[in-house]
Amino acid sequence: AGVMFMLGYTVVRATLSQSSTQTGAVTESSDVQVTIPGEGTLWADFG
């Protein structure tokens, strides 16, 4: 379960990072910001 979680987390982060760099050039003049949350933010509400 730990290995699957880390693999899924890494894939999601890589996908979000890749999509934000691709859309960054297109929406350079607009006010759109893509923020990838850090680990602390993702686990802040746990429990």
All heavy atoms as atom14 arrays in JSON, in Angstrom:
{
  "sequence": "AGVMFMLGYTVVRATLSQSSTQTGAVTESSDVQVTIPGEGTLWADFG",
  "atom14_mask": [
    [1, 1, 1, 1, 1, 0, 0, 0, 0, 0, 0, 0, 0, 0],
    [1, 1, 1, 1, 0, 0, 0, 0, 0, 0, 0, 0, 0, 0],
    [1, 1, 1, 1, 1, 1, 1, 0, 0, 0, 0, 0, 0, 0],
    [1, 1, 1, 1, 1, 1, 1, 1, 0, 0, 0, 0, 0, 0],
    [1, 1, 1, 1, 1, 1, 1, 1, 1, 1, 1, 0, 0, 0],
    [1, 1, 1, 1, 1, 1, 1, 1, 0, 0, 0, 0, 0, 0],
    [1, 1, 1, 1, 1, 1, 1, 1, 0, 0, 0, 0, 0, 0],
    [1, 1, 1, 1, 0, 0, 0, 0, 0, 0, 0, 0, 0, 0],
    [1, 1, 1, 1, 1, 1, 1, 1, 1, 1, 1, 1, 0, 0],
    [1, 1, 1, 1, 1, 1, 1, 0, 0, 0, 0, 0, 0, 0],
    [1, 1, 1, 1, 1, 1, 1, 0, 0, 0, 0, 0, 0, 0],
    [1, 1, 1, 1, 1, 1, 1, 0, 0, 0, 0, 0, 0, 0],
    [1, 1, 1, 1, 1, 1, 1, 1, 1, 1, 1, 0, 0, 0],
    [1, 1, 1, 1, 1, 0, 0, 0, 0, 0, 0, 0, 0, 0],
    [1, 1, 1, 1, 1, 1, 1, 0, 0, 0, 0, 0, 0, 0],
    [1, 1, 1, 1, 1, 1, 1, 1, 0, 0, 0, 0, 0, 0],
    [1, 1, 1, 1, 1, 1, 0, 0, 0, 0, 0, 0, 0, 0],
    [1, 1, 1, 1, 1, 1, 1, 1, 1, 0, 0, 0, 0, 0],
    [1, 1, 1, 1, 1, 1, 0, 0, 0, 0, 0, 0, 0, 0],
    [1, 1, 1, 1, 1, 1, 0, 0, 0, 0, 0, 0, 0, 0],
    [1, 1, 1, 1, 1, 1, 1, 0, 0, 0, 0, 0, 0, 0],
    [1, 1, 1, 1, 1, 1, 1, 1, 1, 0, 0, 0, 0, 0],
    [1, 1, 1, 1, 1, 1, 1, 0, 0, 0, 0, 0, 0, 0],
    [1, 1, 1, 1, 0, 0, 0, 0, 0, 0, 0, 0, 0, 0],
    [1, 1, 1, 1, 1, 0, 0, 0, 0, 0, 0, 0, 0, 0],
    [1, 1, 1, 1, 1, 1, 1, 0, 0, 0, 0, 0, 0, 0],
    [1, 1, 1, 1, 1, 1, 1, 0, 0, 0, 0, 0, 0, 0],
    [1, 1, 1, 1, 1, 1, 1, 1, 1, 0, 0, 0, 0, 0],
    [1, 1, 1, 1, 1, 1, 0, 0, 0, 0, 0, 0, 0, 0],
    [1, 1, 1, 1, 1, 1, 0, 0, 0, 0, 0, 0, 0, 0],
    [1, 1, 1, 1, 1, 1, 1, 1, 0, 0, 0, 0, 0, 0],
    [1, 1, 1, 1, 1, 1, 1, 0, 0, 0, 0, 0, 0, 0],
    [1, 1, 1, 1, 1, 1, 1, 1, 1, 0, 0, 0, 0, 0],
    [1, 1, 1, 1, 1, 1, 1, 0, 0, 0, 0, 0, 0, 0],
    [1, 1, 1, 1, 1, 1, 1, 0, 0, 0, 0, 0, 0, 0],
    [1, 1, 1, 1, 1, 1, 1, 1, 0, 0, 0, 0, 0, 0],
    [1, 1, 1, 1, 1, 1, 1, 0, 0, 0, 0, 0, 0, 0],
    [1, 1, 1, 1, 0, 0, 0, 0, 0, 0, 0, 0, 0, 0],
    [1, 1, 1, 1, 1, 1, 1, 1, 1, 0, 0, 0, 0, 0],
    [1, 1, 1, 1, 0, 0, 0, 0, 0, 0, 0, 0, 0, 0],
    [1, 1, 1, 1, 1, 1, 1, 0, 0, 0, 0, 0, 0, 0],
    [1, 1, 1, 1, 1, 1, 1, 1, 0, 0, 0, 0, 0, 0],
    [1, 1, 1, 1, 1, 1, 1, 1, 1, 1, 1, 1, 1, 1],
    [1, 1, 1, 1, 1, 0, 0, 0, 0, 0, 0, 0, 0, 0],
    [1, 1, 1, 1, 1, 1, 1, 1, 0, 0, 0, 0, 0, 0],
    [1, 1, 1, 1, 1, 1, 1, 1, 1, 1, 1, 0, 0, 0],
    [1, 1, 1, 1, 0, 0, 0, 0, 0, 0, 0, 0, 0, 0]
  ],
  "atom14_positions": [
    [[0.83, -1.2, 0.0], [0.0, 0.0, 0.0], [0.86, 1.25, 0.0], [0.56, 2.23, -0.69], [-0.93, 0.0, 1.21], [0.0, 0.0, 0.0], [0.0, 0.0, 0.0], [0.0, 0.0, 0.0], [0.0, 0.0, 0.0], [0.0, 0.0, 0.0], [0.0, 0.0, 0.0], [0.0, 0.0, 0.0], [0.0, 0.0, 0.0], [0.0, 0.0, 0.0]],
    [[1.94, 1.25, 0.77], [2.85, 2.39, 0.79], [3.52, 2.62, -0.55], [3.63, 3.76, -1.0], [0.0, 0.0, 0.0], [0.0, 0.0, 0.0], [0.0, 0.0, 0.0], [0.0, 0.0, 0.0], [0.0, 0.0, 0.0], [0.0, 0.0, 0.0], [0.0, 0.0, 0.0], [0.0, 0.0, 0.0], [0.0, 0.0, 0.0], [0.0, 0.0, 0.0]],
    [[3.95, 1.54, -1.18], [4.58, 1.67, -2.5], [3.58, 2.2, -3.52], [3.9, 3.09, -4.32], [5.17, 0.31, -2.95], [5.57, 0.34, -4.41], [6.36, -0.06, -2.08], [0.0, 0.0, 0.0], [0.0, 0.0, 0.0], [0.0, 0.0, 0.0], [0.0, 0.0, 0.0], [0.0, 0.0, 0.0], [0.0, 0.0, 0.0], [0.0, 0.0, 0.0]],
    [[2.36, 1.69, -3.5], [1.34, 2.16, -4.44], [0.99, 3.62, -4.19], [0.78, 4.39, -5.14], [0.08, 1.29, -4.35], [0.29, -0.13, -4.82], [0.82, -0.23, -6.54], [-0.64, 0.34, -7.36], [0.0, 0.0, 0.0], [0.0, 0.0, 0.0], [0.0, 0.0, 0.0], [0.0, 0.0, 0.0], [0.0, 0.0, 0.0], [0.0, 0.0, 0.0]],
    [[0.93, 4.03, -2.93], [0.64, 5.42, -2.62], [1.74, 6.34, -3.15], [1.46, 7.36, -3.78], [0.49, 5.62, -1.1], [0.37, 7.06, -0.71], [-0.82, 7.74, -0.88], [1.45, 7.74, -0.19], [-0.93, 9.07, -0.52], [1.36, 9.07, 0.16], [0.16, 9.74, 0.0], [0.0, 0.0, 0.0], [0.0, 0.0, 0.0], [0.0, 0.0, 0.0]],
    [[2.98, 5.99, -2.89], [4.1, 6.82, -3.34], [4.16, 6.87, -4.87], [4.44, 7.92, -5.45], [5.42, 6.3, -2.77], [5.53, 6.5, -1.27], [5.33, 8.21, -0.75], [6.79, 8.94, -1.45], [0.0, 0.0, 0.0], [0.0, 0.0, 0.0], [0.0, 0.0, 0.0], [0.0, 0.0, 0.0], [0.0, 0.0, 0.0], [0.0, 0.0, 0.0]],
    [[3.9, 5.75, -5.52], [3.9, 5.73, -6.98], [2.78, 6.61, -7.53], [3.01, 7.42, -8.43], [3.75, 4.29, -7.48], [3.74, 4.11, -9.0], [5.09, 4.53, -9.58], [3.44, 2.67, -9.34], [0.0, 0.0, 0.0], [0.0, 0.0, 0.0], [0.0, 0.0, 0.0], [0.0, 0.0, 0.0], [0.0, 0.0, 0.0], [0.0, 0.0, 0.0]],
    [[1.58, 6.48, -6.98], [0.46, 7.3, -7.43], [0.69, 8.78, -7.16], [0.4, 9.63, -8.0], [0.0, 0.0, 0.0], [0.0, 0.0, 0.0], [0.0, 0.0, 0.0], [0.0, 0.0, 0.0], [0.0, 0.0, 0.0], [0.0, 0.0, 0.0], [0.0, 0.0, 0.0], [0.0, 0.0, 0.0], [0.0, 0.0, 0.0], [0.0, 0.0, 0.0]],
    [[1.23, 9.08, -6.0], [1.51, 10.48, -5.63], [2.53, 11.08, -6.6], [2.38, 12.2, -7.06], [2.02, 10.52, -4.19], [2.36, 11.9, -3.71], [1.37, 12.77, -3.29], [3.68, 12.33, -3.68], [1.68, 14.04, -2.84], [4.0, 13.6, -3.24], [2.99, 14.44, -2.82], [3.3, 15.7, -2.38], [0.0, 0.0, 0.0], [0.0, 0.0, 0.0]],
    [[3.57, 10.32, -6.9], [4.6, 10.81, -7.81], [4.04, 11.03, -9.21], [4.35, 12.04, -9.86], [5.77, 9.81, -7.87], [6.26, 9.61, -6.54], [6.89, 10.3, -8.75], [0.0, 0.0, 0.0], [0.0, 0.0, 0.0], [0.0, 0.0, 0.0], [0.0, 0.0, 0.0], [0.0, 0.0, 0.0], [0.0, 0.0, 0.0], [0.0, 0.0, 0.0]],
    [[3.21, 10.12, -9.68], [2.62, 10.26, -11.02], [1.71, 11.49, -11.07], [1.75, 12.26, -12.04], [1.84, 8.98, -11.4], [0.99, 9.2, -12.63], [2.81, 7.83, -11.63], [0.0, 0.0, 0.0], [0.0, 0.0, 0.0], [0.0, 0.0, 0.0], [0.0, 0.0, 0.0], [0.0, 0.0, 0.0], [0.0, 0.0, 0.0], [0.0, 0.0, 0.0]],
    [[0.92, 11.7, -10.04], [0.02, 12.86, -10.02], [0.83, 14.16, -9.99], [0.54, 15.11, -10.73], [-0.94, 12.79, -8.82], [-1.67, 14.11, -8.61], [-1.94, 11.67, -9.04], [0.0, 0.0, 0.0], [0.0, 0.0, 0.0], [0.0, 0.0, 0.0], [0.0, 0.0, 0.0], [0.0, 0.0, 0.0], [0.0, 0.0, 0.0], [0.0, 0.0, 0.0]],
    [[1.87, 14.21, -9.15], [2.7, 15.42, -9.08], [3.38, 15.68, -10.42], [3.46, 16.82, -10.87], [3.76, 15.28, -7.99], [3.23, 15.28, -6.58], [2.83, 16.65, -6.14], [3.96, 17.54, -6.16], [4.33, 18.35, -5.2], [3.62, 18.36, -4.1], [5.35, 19.15, -5.32], [0.0, 0.0, 0.0], [0.0, 0.0, 0.0], [0.0, 0.0, 0.0]],
    [[3.89, 14.65, -11.06], [4.56, 14.82, -12.35], [3.57, 15.28, -13.41], [3.89, 16.15, -14.23], [5.23, 13.52, -12.78], [0.0, 0.0, 0.0], [0.0, 0.0, 0.0], [0.0, 0.0, 0.0], [0.0, 0.0, 0.0], [0.0, 0.0, 0.0], [0.0, 0.0, 0.0], [0.0, 0.0, 0.0], [0.0, 0.0, 0.0], [0.0, 0.0, 0.0]],
    [[2.36, 14.73, -13.39], [1.34, 15.13, -14.36], [0.92, 16.58, -14.14], [0.8, 17.34, -15.11], [0.11, 14.21, -14.25], [0.53, 12.86, -14.43], [-0.93, 14.55, -15.3], [0.0, 0.0, 0.0], [0.0, 0.0, 0.0], [0.0, 0.0, 0.0], [0.0, 0.0, 0.0], [0.0, 0.0, 0.0], [0.0, 0.0, 0.0], [0.0, 0.0, 0.0]],
    [[0.72, 16.97, -12.89], [0.35, 18.35, -12.61], [1.47, 19.31, -12.98], [1.23, 20.39, -13.52], [0.0, 18.52, -11.13], [-1.32, 17.92, -10.67], [-1.45, 18.03, -9.17], [-2.48, 18.6, -11.36], [0.0, 0.0, 0.0], [0.0, 0.0, 0.0], [0.0, 0.0, 0.0], [0.0, 0.0, 0.0], [0.0, 0.0, 0.0], [0.0, 0.0, 0.0]],
    [[2.69, 18.92, -12.71], [3.83, 19.76, -13.05], [3.97, 19.92, -14.55], [4.23, 21.01, -15.05], [5.1, 19.16, -12.46], [6.21, 19.93, -12.85], [0.0, 0.0, 0.0], [0.0, 0.0, 0.0], [0.0, 0.0, 0.0], [0.0, 0.0, 0.0], [0.0, 0.0, 0.0], [0.0, 0.0, 0.0], [0.0, 0.0, 0.0], [0.0, 0.0, 0.0]],
    [[3.78, 18.84, -15.27], [3.89, 18.89, -16.73], [2.77, 19.73, -17.33], [3.01, 20.52, -18.22], [3.84, 17.48, -17.3], [4.02, 17.42, -18.8], [3.96, 15.99, -19.32], [3.57, 15.08, -18.6], [4.34, 15.81, -20.56], [0.0, 0.0, 0.0], [0.0, 0.0, 0.0], [0.0, 0.0, 0.0], [0.0, 0.0, 0.0], [0.0, 0.0, 0.0]],
    [[1.54, 19.58, -16.83], [0.43, 20.35, -17.38], [0.57, 21.84, -17.05], [0.17, 22.69, -17.83], [-0.91, 19.81, -16.88], [-1.04, 20.05, -15.5], [0.0, 0.0, 0.0], [0.0, 0.0, 0.0], [0.0, 0.0, 0.0], [0.0, 0.0, 0.0], [0.0, 0.0, 0.0], [0.0, 0.0, 0.0], [0.0, 0.0, 0.0], [0.0, 0.0, 0.0]],
    [[1.17, 22.16, -15.91], [1.31, 23.57, -15.56], [2.39, 24.24, -16.41], [2.28, 25.41, -16.73], [1.64, 23.73, -14.07], [2.92, 23.23, -13.79], [0.0, 0.0, 0.0], [0.0, 0.0, 0.0], [0.0, 0.0, 0.0], [0.0, 0.0, 0.0], [0.0, 0.0, 0.0], [0.0, 0.0, 0.0], [0.0, 0.0, 0.0], [0.0, 0.0, 0.0]],
    [[3.42, 23.5, -16.81], [4.45, 24.1, -17.66], [3.94, 24.25, -19.08], [4.3, 25.19, -19.78], [5.74, 23.26, -17.66], [5.44, 21.94, -18.08], [6.38, 23.26, -16.29], [0.0, 0.0, 0.0], [0.0, 0.0, 0.0], [0.0, 0.0, 0.0], [0.0, 0.0, 0.0], [0.0, 0.0, 0.0], [0.0, 0.0, 0.0], [0.0, 0.0, 0.0]],
    [[3.08, 23.34, -19.53], [2.54, 23.45, -20.88], [1.53, 24.59, -20.97], [1.51, 25.32, -21.94], [1.86, 22.14, -21.28], [2.84, 21.04, -21.58], [2.14, 19.74, -21.91], [0.92, 19.62, -21.75], [2.89, 18.76, -22.35], [0.0, 0.0, 0.0], [0.0, 0.0, 0.0], [0.0, 0.0, 0.0], [0.0, 0.0, 0.0], [0.0, 0.0, 0.0]],
    [[0.68, 24.74, -19.97], [-0.32, 25.8, -20.02], [0.28, 27.14, -19.62], [-0.31, 28.17, -19.86], [-1.5, 25.49, -19.08], [-1.01, 25.33, -17.76], [-2.23, 24.24, -19.54], [0.0, 0.0, 0.0], [0.0, 0.0, 0.0], [0.0, 0.0, 0.0], [0.0, 0.0, 0.0], [0.0, 0.0, 0.0], [0.0, 0.0, 0.0], [0.0, 0.0, 0.0]],
    [[1.46, 27.16, -19.02], [2.09, 28.4, -18.6], [2.43, 29.29, -19.78], [2.31, 30.51, -19.72], [0.0, 0.0, 0.0], [0.0, 0.0, 0.0], [0.0, 0.0, 0.0], [0.0, 0.0, 0.0], [0.0, 0.0, 0.0], [0.0, 0.0, 0.0], [0.0, 0.0, 0.0], [0.0, 0.0, 0.0], [0.0, 0.0, 0.0], [0.0, 0.0, 0.0]],
    [[2.86, 28.71, -20.88], [3.22, 29.49, -22.06], [1.98, 30.06, -22.74], [2.0, 31.16, -23.27], [4.01, 28.63, -23.04], [0.0, 0.0, 0.0], [0.0, 0.0, 0.0], [0.0, 0.0, 0.0], [0.0, 0.0, 0.0], [0.0, 0.0, 0.0], [0.0, 0.0, 0.0], [0.0, 0.0, 0.0], [0.0, 0.0, 0.0], [0.0, 0.0, 0.0]],
    [[0.88, 29.31, -22.7], [-0.34, 29.74, -23.37], [-1.03, 30.85, -22.58], [-1.51, 31.83, -23.15], [-1.3, 28.54, -23.55], [-2.62, 28.99, -24.13], [-0.65, 27.5, -24.43], [0.0, 0.0, 0.0], [0.0, 0.0, 0.0], [0.0, 0.0, 0.0], [0.0, 0.0, 0.0], [0.0, 0.0, 0.0], [0.0, 0.0, 0.0], [0.0, 0.0, 0.0]],
    [[-1.06, 30.72, -21.26], [-1.79, 31.68, -20.42], [-0.82, 32.62, -19.73], [-1.05, 33.05, -18.61], [-2.63, 30.94, -19.38], [-1.75, 30.16, -18.57], [-3.67, 30.06, -20.01], [0.0, 0.0, 0.0], [0.0, 0.0, 0.0], [0.0, 0.0, 0.0], [0.0, 0.0, 0.0], [0.0, 0.0, 0.0], [0.0, 0.0, 0.0], [0.0, 0.0, 0.0]],
    [[0.25, 32.96, -20.38], [1.28, 33.8, -19.76], [0.75, 35.18, -19.4], [1.11, 35.75, -18.39], [2.46, 33.92, -20.73], [3.67, 34.56, -20.13], [4.85, 34.49, -21.07], [4.93, 33.54, -21.86], [5.67, 35.42, -21.01], [0.0, 0.0, 0.0], [0.0, 0.0, 0.0], [0.0, 0.0, 0.0], [0.0, 0.0, 0.0], [0.0, 0.0, 0.0]],
    [[-0.13, 35.74, -20.21], [-0.62, 37.08, -19.95], [-1.87, 37.11, -19.08], [-2.3, 38.18, -18.68], [-0.91, 37.78, -21.28], [-1.93, 37.07, -21.97], [0.0, 0.0, 0.0], [0.0, 0.0, 0.0], [0.0, 0.0, 0.0], [0.0, 0.0, 0.0], [0.0, 0.0, 0.0], [0.0, 0.0, 0.0], [0.0, 0.0, 0.0], [0.0, 0.0, 0.0]],
    [[-2.46, 35.97, -18.78], [-3.68, 35.95, -17.97], [-3.33, 35.83, -16.49], [-2.18, 35.67, -16.11], [-4.58, 34.8, -18.39], [-3.96, 33.58, -18.07], [0.0, 0.0, 0.0], [0.0, 0.0, 0.0], [0.0, 0.0, 0.0], [0.0, 0.0, 0.0], [0.0, 0.0, 0.0], [0.0, 0.0, 0.0], [0.0, 0.0, 0.0], [0.0, 0.0, 0.0]],
    [[-4.36, 35.88, -15.65], [-4.17, 35.82, -14.2], [-4.31, 34.41, -13.64], [-4.5, 34.24, -12.44], [-5.18, 36.74, -13.51], [-4.91, 38.19, -13.82], [-3.72, 38.53, -14.03], [-5.87, 38.97, -13.86], [0.0, 0.0, 0.0], [0.0, 0.0, 0.0], [0.0, 0.0, 0.0], [0.0, 0.0, 0.0], [0.0, 0.0, 0.0], [0.0, 0.0, 0.0]],
    [[-4.25, 33.41, -14.47], [-4.43, 32.03, -14.03], [-3.14, 31.53, -13.41], [-2.07, 31.67, -13.97], [-4.82, 31.12, -15.22], [-4.91, 29.68, -14.77], [-6.12, 31.57, -15.83], [0.0, 0.0, 0.0], [0.0, 0.0, 0.0], [0.0, 0.0, 0.0], [0.0, 0.0, 0.0], [0.0, 0.0, 0.0], [0.0, 0.0, 0.0], [0.0, 0.0, 0.0]],
    [[-3.26, 30.97, -12.21], [-2.1, 30.37, -11.54], [-2.41, 28.92, -11.23], [-3.49, 28.61, -10.72], [-1.78, 31.09, -10.24], [-1.03, 32.36, -10.41], [-0.59, 32.89, -9.05], [-1.28, 32.72, -8.06], [0.56, 33.51, -9.02], [0.0, 0.0, 0.0], [0.0, 0.0, 0.0], [0.0, 0.0, 0.0], [0.0, 0.0, 0.0], [0.0, 0.0, 0.0]],
    [[-1.47, 28.06, -11.5], [-1.6, 26.65, -11.15], [-0.67, 26.4, -9.99], [0.54, 26.59, -10.1], [-1.25, 25.74, -12.34], [-1.32, 24.29, -11.94], [-2.15, 26.03, -13.53], [0.0, 0.0, 0.0], [0.0, 0.0, 0.0], [0.0, 0.0, 0.0], [0.0, 0.0, 0.0], [0.0, 0.0, 0.0], [0.0, 0.0, 0.0], [0.0, 0.0, 0.0]],
    [[-1.24, 26.0, -8.86], [-0.45, 25.76, -7.67], [-0.47, 24.27, -7.35], [-1.53, 23.67, -7.25], [-1.02, 26.52, -6.47], [-1.08, 27.9, -6.8], [-0.17, 26.33, -5.24], [0.0, 0.0, 0.0], [0.0, 0.0, 0.0], [0.0, 0.0, 0.0], [0.0, 0.0, 0.0], [0.0, 0.0, 0.0], [0.0, 0.0, 0.0], [0.0, 0.0, 0.0]],
    [[0.7, 23.69, -7.21], [0.81, 22.29, -6.82], [1.05, 22.27, -5.32], [2.05, 22.79, -4.84], [1.96, 21.6, -7.57], [1.73, 21.68, -9.08], [2.1, 20.16, -7.12], [2.89, 21.2, -9.9], [0.0, 0.0, 0.0], [0.0, 0.0, 0.0], [0.0, 0.0, 0.0], [0.0, 0.0, 0.0], [0.0, 0.0, 0.0], [0.0, 0.0, 0.0]],
    [[0.11, 21.67, -4.57], [0.25, 21.69, -3.12], [1.42, 20.83, -2.64], [1.76, 19.83, -3.26], [-1.08, 21.11, -2.63], [-1.58, 20.3, -3.76], [-1.08, 20.97, -5.01], [0.0, 0.0, 0.0], [0.0, 0.0, 0.0], [0.0, 0.0, 0.0], [0.0, 0.0, 0.0], [0.0, 0.0, 0.0], [0.0, 0.0, 0.0], [0.0, 0.0, 0.0]],
    [[2.0, 21.24, -1.54], [3.07, 20.47, -0.94], [2.54, 19.37, -0.05], [1.33, 19.25, 0.17], [0.0, 0.0, 0.0], [0.0, 0.0, 0.0], [0.0, 0.0, 0.0], [0.0, 0.0, 0.0], [0.0, 0.0, 0.0], [0.0, 0.0, 0.0], [0.0, 0.0, 0.0], [0.0, 0.0, 0.0], [0.0, 0.0, 0.0], [0.0, 0.0, 0.0]],
    [[3.43, 18.56, 0.47], [3.02, 17.43, 1.3], [2.31, 17.87, 2.56], [1.34, 17.24, 2.99], [4.24, 16.58, 1.67], [4.85, 15.83, 0.51], [5.83, 16.69, -0.27], [6.05, 17.86, 0.08], [6.36, 16.19, -1.27], [0.0, 0.0, 0.0], [0.0, 0.0, 0.0], [0.0, 0.0, 0.0], [0.0, 0.0, 0.0], [0.0, 0.0, 0.0]],
    [[2.75, 18.95, 3.17], [2.11, 19.43, 4.38], [0.68, 19.85, 4.16], [-0.2, 19.6, 4.97], [0.0, 0.0, 0.0], [0.0, 0.0, 0.0], [0.0, 0.0, 0.0], [0.0, 0.0, 0.0], [0.0, 0.0, 0.0], [0.0, 0.0, 0.0], [0.0, 0.0, 0.0], [0.0, 0.0, 0.0], [0.0, 0.0, 0.0], [0.0, 0.0, 0.0]],
    [[0.42, 20.48, 3.03], [-0.94, 20.9, 2.69], [-1.83, 19.7, 2.41], [-2.99, 19.67, 2.81], [-0.91, 21.83, 1.46], [-0.02, 22.9, 1.71], [-2.29, 22.36, 1.15], [0.0, 0.0, 0.0], [0.0, 0.0, 0.0], [0.0, 0.0, 0.0], [0.0, 0.0, 0.0], [0.0, 0.0, 0.0], [0.0, 0.0, 0.0], [0.0, 0.0, 0.0]],
    [[-1.28, 18.71, 1.73], [-2.08, 17.53, 1.4], [-2.47, 16.74, 2.65], [-3.55, 16.17, 2.71], [-1.31, 16.62, 0.44], [-1.07, 17.17, -0.95], [-0.16, 16.25, -1.75], [-2.39, 17.35, -1.67], [0.0, 0.0, 0.0], [0.0, 0.0, 0.0], [0.0, 0.0, 0.0], [0.0, 0.0, 0.0], [0.0, 0.0, 0.0], [0.0, 0.0, 0.0]],
    [[-1.62, 16.7, 3.65], [-1.87, 15.93, 4.86], [-2.41, 16.77, 6.01], [-2.63, 16.26, 7.11], [-0.59, 15.24, 5.3], [-0.21, 14.11, 4.41], [0.66, 14.17, 3.38], [-0.71, 12.78, 4.44], [0.75, 12.96, 2.77], [-0.07, 12.09, 3.4], [-1.61, 12.12, 5.24], [-0.33, 10.75, 3.15], [-1.86, 10.77, 4.99], [-1.22, 10.1, 3.96]],
    [[-2.69, 18.05, 5.8], [-3.12, 18.94, 6.89], [-4.45, 18.51, 7.5], [-4.65, 18.62, 8.7], [-3.22, 20.38, 6.38], [0.0, 0.0, 0.0], [0.0, 0.0, 0.0], [0.0, 0.0, 0.0], [0.0, 0.0, 0.0], [0.0, 0.0, 0.0], [0.0, 0.0, 0.0], [0.0, 0.0, 0.0], [0.0, 0.0, 0.0], [0.0, 0.0, 0.0]],
    [[-5.39, 18.03, 6.69], [-6.71, 17.66, 7.19], [-6.86, 16.18, 7.53], [-7.93, 15.73, 7.85], [-7.78, 18.02, 6.15], [-7.88, 19.51, 5.93], [-7.5, 20.27, 6.85], [-8.32, 19.93, 4.84], [0.0, 0.0, 0.0], [0.0, 0.0, 0.0], [0.0, 0.0, 0.0], [0.0, 0.0, 0.0], [0.0, 0.0, 0.0], [0.0, 0.0, 0.0]],
    [[-5.78, 15.44, 7.45], [-5.87, 14.0, 7.67], [-6.33, 13.7, 9.1], [-5.74, 14.17, 10.07], [-4.5, 13.34, 7.43], [-4.55, 11.84, 7.56], [-5.15, 11.08, 6.59], [-3.98, 11.22, 8.65], [-5.19, 9.71, 6.69], [-4.03, 9.85, 8.78], [-4.63, 9.09, 7.79], [0.0, 0.0, 0.0], [0.0, 0.0, 0.0], [0.0, 0.0, 0.0]],
    [[-7.4, 12.95, 9.2], [-7.93, 12.57, 10.5], [-8.85, 13.59, 11.13], [-9.43, 13.33, 12.17], [0.0, 0.0, 0.0], [0.0, 0.0, 0.0], [0.0, 0.0, 0.0], [0.0, 0.0, 0.0], [0.0, 0.0, 0.0], [0.0, 0.0, 0.0], [0.0, 0.0, 0.0], [0.0, 0.0, 0.0], [0.0, 0.0, 0.0], [0.0, 0.0, 0.0]]
  ]
}
